[in-house]
Amino acid sequence: MVEAAVAKALEGATAAGRWDVVSQLARELEARRLARMGNVVALTPKARQRGK
């Protein structure tokens, strides 16, 4: 139910040209999808260290 509301908001933001909101909503949908999978480990990128 929440995913449907977020998807509808995504459509509205796209129609309005609010690309900042589109990006935020898309990240929210992805996070919810990954959370449902249960077997996904989120990896955080490490800062590239120069000289190593």
Protein backbone atom coordinates (compact mmCIF):
# COMPACT_ATOMS: atom_id res chain seq x y z
CA MET A 1 0.00 0.00 0.00
CA VAL A 2 2.78 2.42 0.88
CA GLU A 3 4.70 1.37 -2.24
CA ALA A 4 1.67 2.26 -4.39
CA ALA A 5 1.48 5.72 -2.81
CA VAL A 6 5.19 6.30 -3.35
CA ALA A 7 4.86 5.14 -6.97
CA LYS A 8 1.96 7.56 -7.52
CA ALA A 9 3.99 10.38 -5.97
CA LEU A 10 6.84 9.40 -8.28
CA GLU A 11 4.55 9.79 -11.29
CA GLY A 12 3.40 13.19 -10.07
CA ALA A 13 6.92 14.40 -9.44
CA THR A 14 7.95 13.24 -12.90
CA ALA A 15 5.04 15.08 -14.51
CA ALA A 16 5.97 18.23 -12.57
CA GLY A 17 9.63 17.96 -13.56
CA ARG A 18 10.76 17.74 -9.93
CA TRP A 19 13.81 15.58 -10.59
CA ASP A 20 15.14 16.03 -7.06
CA VAL A 21 11.93 14.53 -5.67
CA VAL A 22 11.92 11.81 -8.36
CA SER A 23 15.42 10.78 -7.27
CA GLN A 24 14.48 10.68 -3.58
CA LEU A 25 11.31 8.67 -4.21
CA ALA A 26 13.12 6.21 -6.47
CA ARG A 27 15.70 5.61 -3.70
CA GLU A 28 12.85 5.00 -1.25
CA LEU A 29 11.22 2.44 -3.56
CA GLU A 30 14.56 0.68 -4.06
CA ALA A 31 15.22 0.57 -0.31
CA ARG A 32 11.80 -0.96 0.29
CA ARG A 33 12.33 -3.55 -2.46
CA LEU A 34 15.72 -4.54 -1.06
CA ALA A 35 14.33 -4.75 2.48
CA ARG A 36 11.65 -7.19 1.31
CA MET A 37 14.27 -9.47 -0.26
CA GLY A 38 15.86 -10.17 3.11
CA ASN A 39 19.02 -11.76 1.71
CA VAL A 40 20.65 -8.58 0.41
CA VAL A 41 23.60 -7.00 2.16
CA ALA A 42 24.07 -3.29 1.54
CA LEU A 43 27.65 -2.41 0.73
CA THR A 44 28.91 1.07 1.40
CA PRO A 45 31.61 2.32 -0.94
CA LYS A 46 34.92 3.06 0.71
CA ALA A 47 36.64 6.32 0.02
CA ARG A 48 39.44 5.86 -2.47
CA GLN A 49 42.78 6.33 -0.79
CA ARG A 50 45.51 7.86 -2.88
CA GLY A 51 48.90 6.24 -2.89
CA LYS A 52 47.65 2.82 -1.82
